[in-house]
Amino acid sequence: MTRVTPFHSRTSELCEGSRWEEWEGFLAATSYALDYTCEYDAVRWGCGLFDVSPLYKYDVRGPDAKALMQRVVVRDLAKSKPGRVFYSVRCDDKGMVMDDGVVARLGEQHFYLTTTTGGAAHVLSWLEVWLQTEWPELDVSLTSLTDHYSTIAVAGPNSRKVLQKAGCNIDLKRENVPFMSIQDAELDGVSVQIFRVSFSGELAFEVNVEIRYDLACWAVLMED
């Protein structure tokens, strides 16, 4: 059954053409305005907001978390440091790409993983099966965070200004929050995680917020 994201009560009011599609089990707007070029222009020259809550999210931690993640992604984790984010694909035993997404290293043995396809239950199931059947020696805890956090992408040349005006309590300059990094922060007094990542090719950030506070964050961002 298709689900709606926690922001649906807000995005549905803005979707003038009722252009929706299913994104991995969630209802997502393909465009809001009748003429989508204004949305394109906003991201290229100003700032645009995207509801990317359908990204599946996982917490991976434990004494062998790094060993597990190194077997799951194709990037060399030896080069990653806490606070940094990297993009990678995941492959099956034959080297075929199963999925892609970002991995944030939160600590020496603590990772945050996103996936763009395959539902949360599916991804958790194959990870758990691998742990039980292929790598039983690994001591790792896996937790799905998909239903606990909403995610807003803020993209465009003015995205940094919008976040600062919305009450972000840290300075988002490049030297403080470099590309492909993650920072704990507050947005108008609400605890959030800010990822300096971009899928639009422009300056952009992704804001993770607990579901109970997500509409408040949406409101303060829309005000600015």
Protein backbone atom coordinates (compact mmCIF):
# COMPACT_ATOMS: atom_id res chain seq x y z
CA MET A 1 0.00 0.00 0.00
CA THR A 2 1.31 3.44 -0.95
CA ARG A 3 2.17 5.62 2.03
CA VAL A 4 2.43 9.40 2.38
CA THR A 5 5.42 11.17 3.89
CA PRO A 6 5.11 13.23 7.09
CA PHE A 7 5.20 16.39 4.92
CA HIS A 8 2.24 15.34 2.74
CA SER A 9 -0.19 17.67 4.51
CA ARG A 10 2.02 20.56 3.36
CA THR A 11 3.16 19.37 -0.07
CA SER A 12 -0.37 18.36 -1.13
CA GLU A 13 -1.50 21.98 -0.68
CA LEU A 14 1.25 23.14 -3.03
CA CYS A 15 0.85 20.54 -5.78
CA GLU A 16 -1.23 22.54 -8.26
CA GLY A 17 -1.24 19.95 -11.03
CA SER A 18 -1.71 16.89 -8.78
CA ARG A 19 1.34 15.30 -10.38
CA TRP A 20 2.28 12.42 -8.14
CA GLU A 21 4.25 9.22 -8.52
CA GLU A 22 5.18 6.32 -6.27
CA TRP A 23 8.70 6.49 -4.88
CA GLU A 24 9.53 3.18 -3.24
CA GLY A 25 6.16 2.85 -1.55
CA PHE A 26 5.68 6.56 -0.83
CA LEU A 27 3.59 9.13 -2.70
CA ALA A 28 5.87 11.85 -4.07
CA ALA A 29 5.17 14.95 -6.14
CA THR A 30 6.91 15.10 -9.52
CA SER A 31 6.32 18.86 -9.72
CA TYR A 32 4.27 21.45 -7.86
CA ALA A 33 3.62 24.31 -10.26
CA LEU A 34 1.71 23.86 -13.52
CA ASP A 35 4.85 25.10 -15.28
CA TYR A 36 7.77 23.25 -13.70
CA THR A 37 10.38 25.63 -15.14
CA CYS A 38 9.89 27.98 -12.19
CA GLU A 39 11.00 25.16 -9.89
CA TYR A 40 14.05 24.54 -12.05
CA ASP A 41 14.87 28.26 -11.96
CA ALA A 42 14.48 28.36 -8.18
CA VAL A 43 17.09 25.64 -7.70
CA ARG A 44 19.46 27.10 -10.31
CA TRP A 45 19.23 30.75 -9.24
CA GLY A 46 17.62 30.86 -5.79
CA CYS A 47 16.53 28.06 -3.47
CA GLY A 48 14.15 25.11 -3.61
CA LEU A 49 12.90 22.57 -1.06
CA PHE A 50 12.48 18.86 -1.74
CA ASP A 51 10.74 16.30 0.43
CA VAL A 52 13.20 13.39 0.26
CA SER A 53 11.80 11.51 3.25
CA PRO A 54 11.29 8.32 1.14
CA LEU A 55 15.05 7.73 1.33
CA TYR A 56 15.44 4.67 3.53
CA LYS A 57 17.67 5.27 6.52
CA TYR A 58 19.62 2.85 8.75
CA ASP A 59 21.78 3.05 11.83
CA VAL A 60 24.71 0.61 11.79
CA ARG A 61 26.84 0.34 14.91
CA GLY A 62 28.85 -2.10 17.00
CA PRO A 63 32.39 -3.47 17.35
CA ASP A 64 32.35 -4.76 13.76
CA ALA A 65 30.30 -2.03 12.08
CA LYS A 66 33.22 -0.90 9.91
CA ALA A 67 33.94 -4.47 8.82
CA LEU A 68 30.30 -4.94 7.80
CA MET A 69 30.09 -1.66 5.91
CA GLN A 70 33.33 -2.40 4.06
CA ARG A 71 31.76 -5.62 2.80
CA VAL A 72 28.54 -3.86 1.78
CA VAL A 73 29.86 -0.80 -0.12
CA VAL A 74 32.54 -0.59 -2.80
CA ARG A 75 34.35 2.46 -1.38
CA ASP A 76 37.51 2.14 0.72
CA LEU A 77 36.46 3.00 4.27
CA ALA A 78 40.08 3.33 5.37
CA LYS A 79 39.94 6.83 3.89
CA SER A 80 36.75 7.85 5.70
CA LYS A 81 36.74 9.79 8.96
CA PRO A 82 34.00 10.54 11.52
CA GLY A 83 31.91 13.46 10.34
CA ARG A 84 32.42 12.70 6.66
CA VAL A 85 29.90 11.42 4.10
CA PHE A 86 30.58 9.43 0.95
CA TYR A 87 28.52 8.22 -1.96
CA SER A 88 28.73 4.57 -2.96
CA VAL A 89 26.92 1.72 -4.68
CA ARG A 90 26.20 -1.74 -3.30
CA CYS A 91 26.74 -4.81 -5.45
CA ASP A 92 25.65 -8.43 -5.33
CA ASP A 93 27.99 -11.42 -5.42
CA LYS A 94 28.29 -11.11 -9.21
CA GLY A 95 29.25 -7.44 -9.09
CA MET A 96 25.88 -6.17 -10.31
CA VAL A 97 24.72 -2.90 -8.75
CA MET A 98 21.88 -3.47 -6.26
CA ASP A 99 21.46 0.07 -4.95
CA ASP A 100 23.17 3.38 -4.30
CA GLY A 101 23.10 5.98 -1.56
CA VAL A 102 25.26 7.81 0.93
CA VAL A 103 27.06 6.56 4.01
CA ALA A 104 27.90 8.91 6.88
CA ARG A 105 30.59 7.89 9.33
CA LEU A 106 29.36 9.10 12.71
CA GLY A 107 32.08 7.40 14.76
CA GLU A 108 34.82 4.79 14.51
CA GLN A 109 32.21 2.00 14.62
CA HIS A 110 29.03 3.94 13.91
CA PHE A 111 27.55 4.58 10.45
CA TYR A 112 24.40 6.04 8.92
CA LEU A 113 23.31 4.48 5.64
CA THR A 114 20.70 5.59 3.09
CA THR A 115 19.29 3.61 0.18
CA THR A 116 17.20 4.80 -2.73
CA THR A 117 15.48 1.56 -3.72
CA GLY A 118 14.22 -1.69 -2.25
CA GLY A 119 12.09 -1.01 0.96
CA ALA A 120 13.39 -0.84 4.45
CA ALA A 121 12.30 -4.37 5.30
CA HIS A 122 14.07 -5.74 2.19
CA VAL A 123 17.36 -3.98 2.87
CA LEU A 124 17.36 -4.95 6.53
CA SER A 125 16.48 -8.52 5.64
CA TRP A 126 19.40 -9.10 3.29
CA LEU A 127 21.82 -7.43 5.69
CA GLU A 128 20.55 -9.57 8.53
CA VAL A 129 20.68 -12.72 6.40
CA TRP A 130 24.29 -11.99 5.45
CA LEU A 131 25.15 -11.46 9.11
CA GLN A 132 23.51 -14.71 10.13
CA THR A 133 24.65 -16.93 7.27
CA GLU A 134 27.78 -15.41 5.74
CA TRP A 135 29.35 -13.34 8.51
CA PRO A 136 28.12 -14.72 11.86
CA GLU A 137 31.37 -13.62 13.49
CA LEU A 138 30.48 -9.91 13.11
CA ASP A 139 29.02 -8.09 16.12
CA VAL A 140 26.78 -5.41 14.61
CA SER A 141 23.45 -3.76 15.47
CA LEU A 142 21.14 -2.72 12.58
CA THR A 143 18.23 -0.32 13.10
CA SER A 144 15.84 1.18 10.55
CA LEU A 145 15.35 4.94 11.09
CA THR A 146 13.06 5.49 8.10
CA ASP A 147 9.92 5.92 10.20
CA HIS A 148 11.66 8.07 12.80
CA TYR A 149 13.19 10.85 10.68
CA SER A 150 11.98 13.09 7.87
CA THR A 151 14.37 14.65 5.40
CA ILE A 152 14.23 17.99 3.59
CA ALA A 153 16.68 18.83 0.82
CA VAL A 154 17.42 22.55 0.58
CA ALA A 155 19.08 23.24 -2.77
CA GLY A 156 20.25 26.24 -4.75
CA PRO A 157 22.76 29.10 -4.54
CA ASN A 158 20.78 30.66 -1.67
CA SER A 159 20.31 27.43 0.33
CA ARG A 160 22.97 28.34 2.89
CA LYS A 161 21.37 31.76 3.44
CA VAL A 162 17.92 30.21 3.85
CA LEU A 163 19.15 27.76 6.50
CA GLN A 164 21.01 30.48 8.40
CA LYS A 165 17.97 32.77 8.32
CA ALA A 166 15.80 29.87 9.52
CA GLY A 167 17.78 29.77 12.74
CA CYS A 168 20.58 27.29 12.08
CA ASN A 169 22.88 27.61 15.10
CA ILE A 170 26.13 26.78 13.28
CA ASP A 171 28.00 28.69 10.60
CA LEU A 172 27.45 26.77 7.35
CA LYS A 173 30.40 28.27 5.49
CA ARG A 174 32.38 25.85 3.36
CA GLU A 175 35.34 25.79 5.72
CA ASN A 176 33.07 24.76 8.61
CA VAL A 177 30.76 22.35 6.76
CA PRO A 178 32.67 21.10 3.71
CA PHE A 179 31.10 19.16 0.86
CA MET A 180 30.23 15.56 1.82
CA SER A 181 30.16 16.12 5.57
CA ILE A 182 27.58 15.90 8.36
CA GLN A 183 26.99 18.15 11.36
CA ASP A 184 24.68 18.00 14.37
CA ALA A 185 22.89 21.33 14.61
CA GLU A 186 19.72 23.12 15.64
CA LEU A 187 17.18 24.74 13.35
CA ASP A 188 15.09 27.31 15.18
CA GLY A 189 15.82 25.42 18.40
CA VAL A 190 15.07 21.93 17.01
CA SER A 191 17.85 19.32 16.92
CA VAL A 192 18.67 18.23 13.36
CA GLN A 193 21.40 16.56 11.34
CA ILE A 194 22.66 18.59 8.39
CA PHE A 195 24.29 16.79 5.47
CA ARG A 196 26.30 18.88 3.00
CA VAL A 197 25.39 16.79 -0.04
CA SER A 198 23.80 17.57 -3.39
CA PHE A 199 21.98 15.66 -6.12
CA SER A 200 21.09 18.81 -8.07
CA GLY A 201 24.58 20.00 -8.97
CA GLU A 202 24.04 23.18 -6.96
CA LEU A 203 24.95 24.17 -3.41
CA ALA A 204 22.65 22.03 -1.26
CA PHE A 205 22.02 20.52 2.15
CA GLU A 206 19.82 17.73 3.49
CA VAL A 207 18.18 18.21 6.88
CA ASN A 208 17.24 15.17 8.96
CA VAL A 209 14.68 15.91 11.66
CA GLU A 210 12.68 13.75 14.06
CA ILE A 211 9.16 13.24 12.74
CA ARG A 212 7.56 14.96 15.74
CA TYR A 213 9.37 18.21 14.81
CA ASP A 214 9.33 17.99 11.02
CA LEU A 215 6.38 20.30 10.30
CA ALA A 216 7.89 22.98 12.51
CA CYS A 217 11.13 22.82 10.50
CA TRP A 218 9.21 22.86 7.23
CA ALA A 219 7.32 25.96 8.35
CA VAL A 220 10.40 27.92 9.37
CA LEU A 221 12.16 27.07 6.11
CA MET A 222 9.15 28.10 4.02
CA GLU A 223 9.01 31.42 5.84
CA ASP A 224 12.49 32.23 4.61
